[in-house]
């Protein structure tokens, strides 16, 4: 009696099918609209009340604030990522995939594809509102590097959030856990004020933590130069990507 050999679908085709599913869901459920709107609202809420005081200190606040909003846009995307990963676990999608010959990295890569769409939309929202209030790039090449660095940082925090959502299998818990460290990183950074504006005991942390380094790198790139902080920011990004990828694939491999 002849047995029919199981059909094995290449991993690339699996990734494409799952990516298309995730991107359609992001468009259908309004994720892209929220991704665009959130950084716009965040920029306005901080620019309007702080503009005069920052201008009095000689700071072009429209130019100074936008890089932090770009970082915030990536954090917002990460919260989406954690929520979606948790939903897939809680909704049984992981169980269905487990019954199929799908490698553990494929669902992670597919969710990252959908998150890239959200991240691009969020960064676009930040750049649109910044340009309306006076933000400008000074060089097209460094502007491109600006976008790439922002999205790479986004990928680093997004894949970590994906791992958290997959591990907790709880969309609400994952978003809650992510909110507090993101808020602390943003508020204790040079995003709003220079490090000199903080108490002396916390200034070393403020200068060297990832949000400050990435924000400083983006500010330099926006001005048309390659700042020293770019190398440190790249190190943070590579570290986040490496650790997040290992954790996300391991969490996906342990899905039950």
Protein backbone atom coordinates (compact mmCIF):
# COMPACT_ATOMS: atom_id res chain seq x y z
CA UNK A 1 0.00 0.00 0.00
CA UNK A 2 1.47 3.33 -1.05
CA UNK A 3 1.57 6.15 1.48
CA UNK A 4 1.33 9.73 0.33
CA UNK A 5 4.31 11.74 1.48
CA UNK A 6 3.39 14.92 3.36
CA UNK A 7 3.73 18.12 1.38
CA UNK A 8 6.37 20.39 2.87
CA UNK A 9 5.87 24.06 2.20
CA UNK A 10 9.12 26.08 2.06
CA UNK A 11 9.70 28.32 5.05
CA UNK A 12 9.77 31.37 2.78
CA UNK A 13 6.25 30.70 1.55
CA UNK A 14 5.06 30.13 5.12
CA UNK A 15 6.57 33.45 6.16
CA UNK A 16 4.94 35.26 3.24
CA UNK A 17 1.50 33.81 3.95
CA UNK A 18 1.65 34.63 7.67
CA UNK A 19 3.08 38.10 6.93
CA UNK A 20 0.24 38.90 4.56
CA UNK A 21 -2.23 37.76 7.20
CA UNK A 22 -0.66 40.01 9.82
CA UNK A 23 -0.44 43.04 7.54
CA UNK A 24 -4.06 42.67 6.46
CA UNK A 25 -5.08 42.51 10.12
CA UNK A 26 -3.07 45.66 10.90
CA UNK A 27 -4.82 47.54 8.09
CA UNK A 28 -8.27 46.13 8.82
CA UNK A 29 -8.22 46.73 12.57
CA UNK A 30 -6.97 50.32 12.40
CA UNK A 31 -3.48 49.71 13.78
CA UNK A 32 -1.90 51.82 11.06
CA UNK A 33 -4.18 54.79 11.77
CA UNK A 34 -3.38 54.61 15.48
CA UNK A 35 0.31 54.26 14.70
CA UNK A 36 0.23 57.49 12.67
CA UNK A 37 -1.93 59.39 15.15
CA UNK A 38 -0.12 58.55 18.40
CA UNK A 39 3.18 60.36 17.70
CA UNK A 40 1.27 63.34 16.31
CA UNK A 41 -0.68 63.68 19.56
CA UNK A 42 2.42 63.10 21.66
CA UNK A 43 4.42 65.76 19.79
CA UNK A 44 1.69 68.38 20.12
CA UNK A 45 1.15 67.66 23.82
CA UNK A 46 4.81 68.34 24.61
CA UNK A 47 5.66 70.98 22.01
CA UNK A 48 2.94 73.48 22.86
CA UNK A 49 3.52 73.78 26.65
CA UNK A 50 7.33 73.55 26.52
CA UNK A 51 8.15 75.55 23.38
CA UNK A 52 8.48 78.96 25.03
CA UNK A 53 10.68 77.83 27.90
CA UNK A 54 12.95 75.89 25.56
CA UNK A 55 13.15 78.81 23.12
CA UNK A 56 14.16 81.07 26.00
CA UNK A 57 17.05 78.69 26.64
CA UNK A 58 18.11 79.00 22.99
CA UNK A 59 16.86 75.57 21.89
CA UNK A 60 14.98 75.04 18.64
CA UNK A 61 12.41 72.79 20.27
CA UNK A 62 10.79 71.60 17.04
CA UNK A 63 14.17 70.26 15.94
CA UNK A 64 15.12 69.04 19.41
CA UNK A 65 11.88 67.18 20.17
CA UNK A 66 11.32 65.24 16.94
CA UNK A 67 14.03 62.57 17.49
CA UNK A 68 12.47 61.67 20.84
CA UNK A 69 9.06 61.43 19.19
CA UNK A 70 10.58 59.05 16.64
CA UNK A 71 11.86 56.89 19.51
CA UNK A 72 8.48 57.08 21.21
CA UNK A 73 6.81 56.01 17.95
CA UNK A 74 8.93 52.85 18.03
CA UNK A 75 7.95 52.20 21.65
CA UNK A 76 4.31 52.59 20.66
CA UNK A 77 4.87 50.05 17.90
CA UNK A 78 6.42 47.70 20.46
CA UNK A 79 3.28 47.88 22.59
CA UNK A 80 1.27 46.85 19.53
CA UNK A 81 3.73 44.00 18.97
CA UNK A 82 3.37 42.66 22.50
CA UNK A 83 -0.40 42.89 22.28
CA UNK A 84 -0.59 41.05 18.94
CA UNK A 85 1.80 38.31 20.03
CA UNK A 86 -0.22 37.77 23.19
CA UNK A 87 -3.43 37.64 21.19
CA UNK A 88 -2.06 34.97 18.89
CA UNK A 89 -1.16 32.84 21.88
CA UNK A 90 -4.42 33.39 23.73
CA UNK A 91 -6.52 32.97 20.58
CA UNK A 92 -5.09 29.57 19.70
CA UNK A 93 -3.14 30.53 16.58
CA UNK A 94 0.05 29.16 18.13
CA UNK A 95 -1.66 25.85 18.82
CA UNK A 96 -2.74 25.55 15.20
CA UNK A 97 0.75 26.37 13.96
CA UNK A 98 2.24 23.81 16.33
CA UNK A 99 0.30 21.08 14.57
CA UNK A 100 1.91 22.06 11.27
CA UNK A 101 5.52 21.70 10.07
CA UNK A 102 6.29 25.38 10.73
CA UNK A 103 9.67 26.35 12.13
CA UNK A 104 9.59 28.45 15.29
CA UNK A 105 11.27 31.47 13.65
CA UNK A 106 8.66 31.77 10.89
CA UNK A 107 5.77 33.16 13.01
CA UNK A 108 8.20 35.57 14.70
CA UNK A 109 9.49 36.82 11.34
CA UNK A 110 5.94 37.16 10.03
CA UNK A 111 4.86 39.24 13.02
CA UNK A 112 7.96 41.39 12.56
CA UNK A 113 6.88 42.07 8.98
CA UNK A 114 3.51 43.34 10.15
CA UNK A 115 5.20 45.34 12.90
CA UNK A 116 7.47 46.93 10.30
CA UNK A 117 4.38 48.32 8.58
CA UNK A 118 3.19 49.74 11.90
CA UNK A 119 6.65 51.15 12.62
CA UNK A 120 6.92 52.87 9.24
CA UNK A 121 3.46 54.38 9.75
CA UNK A 122 4.37 55.61 13.24
CA UNK A 123 7.64 57.15 12.05
CA UNK A 124 5.80 58.80 9.16
CA UNK A 125 3.36 60.35 11.63
CA UNK A 126 6.24 61.70 13.70
CA UNK A 127 7.99 63.20 10.67
CA UNK A 128 4.79 64.74 9.35
CA UNK A 129 3.93 66.55 12.58
CA UNK A 130 7.54 67.57 13.12
CA UNK A 131 7.78 69.12 9.67
CA UNK A 132 4.57 71.07 10.28
CA UNK A 133 6.12 72.67 13.36
CA UNK A 134 9.49 73.42 11.77
CA UNK A 135 11.60 70.26 11.90
CA UNK A 136 13.93 69.91 8.91
CA UNK A 137 16.57 67.49 7.67
CA UNK A 138 19.82 69.13 6.54
CA UNK A 139 21.18 66.37 4.31
CA UNK A 140 19.35 63.68 2.28
CA UNK A 141 21.90 60.93 3.02
CA UNK A 142 21.88 61.43 6.78
CA UNK A 143 18.09 61.71 6.58
CA UNK A 144 18.01 58.19 5.14
CA UNK A 145 20.35 56.98 7.89
CA UNK A 146 18.03 58.68 10.41
CA UNK A 147 15.10 56.61 9.14
CA UNK A 148 17.13 53.39 9.13
CA UNK A 149 18.43 53.93 12.67
CA UNK A 150 14.96 54.73 13.98
CA UNK A 151 13.46 51.63 12.36
CA UNK A 152 16.36 49.45 13.52
CA UNK A 153 15.85 50.64 17.08
CA UNK A 154 12.16 49.94 16.61
CA UNK A 155 12.95 46.41 15.48
CA UNK A 156 15.05 45.90 18.61
CA UNK A 157 12.32 46.93 21.04
CA UNK A 158 9.57 45.32 18.97
CA UNK A 159 11.13 41.86 18.93
CA UNK A 160 11.63 42.05 22.69
CA UNK A 161 7.98 43.00 23.11
CA UNK A 162 7.00 40.14 20.83
CA UNK A 163 8.92 37.74 23.06
CA UNK A 164 7.17 39.13 26.14
CA UNK A 165 3.72 38.85 24.58
CA UNK A 166 4.42 35.30 23.45
CA UNK A 167 5.75 34.26 26.85
CA UNK A 168 2.93 35.80 28.91
CA UNK A 169 0.18 34.77 26.46
CA UNK A 170 -1.77 37.72 27.84
CA UNK A 171 -2.20 40.87 25.71
CA UNK A 172 -3.19 43.11 28.63
CA UNK A 173 -0.36 41.95 30.88
CA UNK A 174 2.25 42.35 28.16
CA UNK A 175 1.21 45.94 27.39
CA UNK A 176 1.16 46.83 31.10
CA UNK A 177 4.61 45.39 31.73
CA UNK A 178 6.02 47.28 28.74
CA UNK A 179 4.52 50.65 29.63
CA UNK A 180 6.44 51.32 32.86
CA UNK A 181 10.04 50.76 31.65
CA UNK A 182 9.33 52.63 28.42
CA UNK A 183 7.96 55.60 30.36
CA UNK A 184 10.95 55.63 32.71
CA UNK A 185 13.42 55.43 29.83
CA UNK A 186 11.78 58.35 28.04
CA UNK A 187 11.36 60.56 31.10
CA UNK A 188 14.94 59.98 32.34
CA UNK A 189 16.52 60.71 28.97
CA UNK A 190 17.87 63.75 27.17
CA UNK A 191 14.78 63.68 24.99
CA UNK A 192 13.12 66.67 26.65
CA UNK A 193 15.97 68.48 28.38
CA UNK A 194 19.78 68.18 28.33
CA UNK A 195 21.48 65.98 30.92
CA UNK A 196 22.52 69.10 32.84
CA UNK A 197 18.88 69.65 33.73
CA UNK A 198 18.83 66.51 35.90
CA UNK A 199 20.26 66.07 39.41
CA UNK A 200 23.96 65.24 39.38
CA UNK A 201 23.56 61.74 40.79
CA UNK A 202 21.41 60.56 37.87
CA UNK A 203 23.20 62.37 35.03
CA UNK A 204 25.50 59.41 34.12
CA UNK A 205 22.45 57.21 33.60
CA UNK A 206 20.62 59.93 31.68
CA UNK A 207 23.55 60.40 29.28
CA UNK A 208 24.26 56.74 28.59
CA UNK A 209 20.93 54.93 28.59
CA UNK A 210 19.67 53.70 25.19
CA UNK A 211 16.94 56.28 24.62
CA UNK A 212 19.38 59.15 25.20
CA UNK A 213 22.03 57.63 22.93
CA UNK A 214 19.61 56.84 20.11
CA UNK A 215 17.94 60.24 20.43
CA UNK A 216 21.31 62.02 20.35
CA UNK A 217 22.33 60.01 17.29
CA UNK A 218 19.09 60.93 15.53
CA UNK A 219 19.55 64.61 16.39
CA UNK A 220 23.00 64.62 14.85
CA UNK A 221 21.77 62.84 11.74
CA UNK A 222 18.92 65.32 11.38
CA UNK A 223 21.52 68.11 11.42
CA UNK A 224 23.43 66.45 8.59
CA UNK A 225 26.33 64.97 10.57
CA UNK A 226 27.38 61.60 11.98
CA UNK A 227 27.64 62.10 15.75
CA UNK A 228 29.80 60.06 18.13
CA UNK A 229 26.64 58.72 19.76
CA UNK A 230 25.80 56.87 16.53
CA UNK A 231 28.28 54.09 17.33
CA UNK A 232 26.93 53.65 20.86
CA UNK A 233 23.37 53.68 19.55
CA UNK A 234 24.30 51.02 17.00
CA UNK A 235 25.70 48.89 19.82
CA UNK A 236 22.46 49.20 21.79
CA UNK A 237 20.44 48.32 18.70
CA UNK A 238 22.51 45.24 17.86
CA UNK A 239 22.27 44.07 21.46
CA UNK A 240 18.50 44.55 21.57
CA UNK A 241 18.06 42.72 18.28
CA UNK A 242 20.26 39.79 19.29
CA UNK A 243 18.73 39.28 22.73
CA UNK A 244 15.19 39.89 21.52
CA UNK A 245 15.51 37.47 18.61
CA UNK A 246 16.79 34.68 20.84
CA UNK A 247 14.04 35.25 23.41
CA UNK A 248 11.28 35.55 20.80
CA UNK A 249 12.25 32.37 18.94
CA UNK A 250 12.68 30.48 22.20
CA UNK A 251 9.30 31.67 23.49
CA UNK A 252 7.65 30.72 20.18
CA UNK A 253 9.29 27.29 20.29
CA UNK A 254 7.81 26.67 23.72
CA UNK A 255 4.27 27.62 22.77
CA UNK A 256 1.66 25.19 23.99
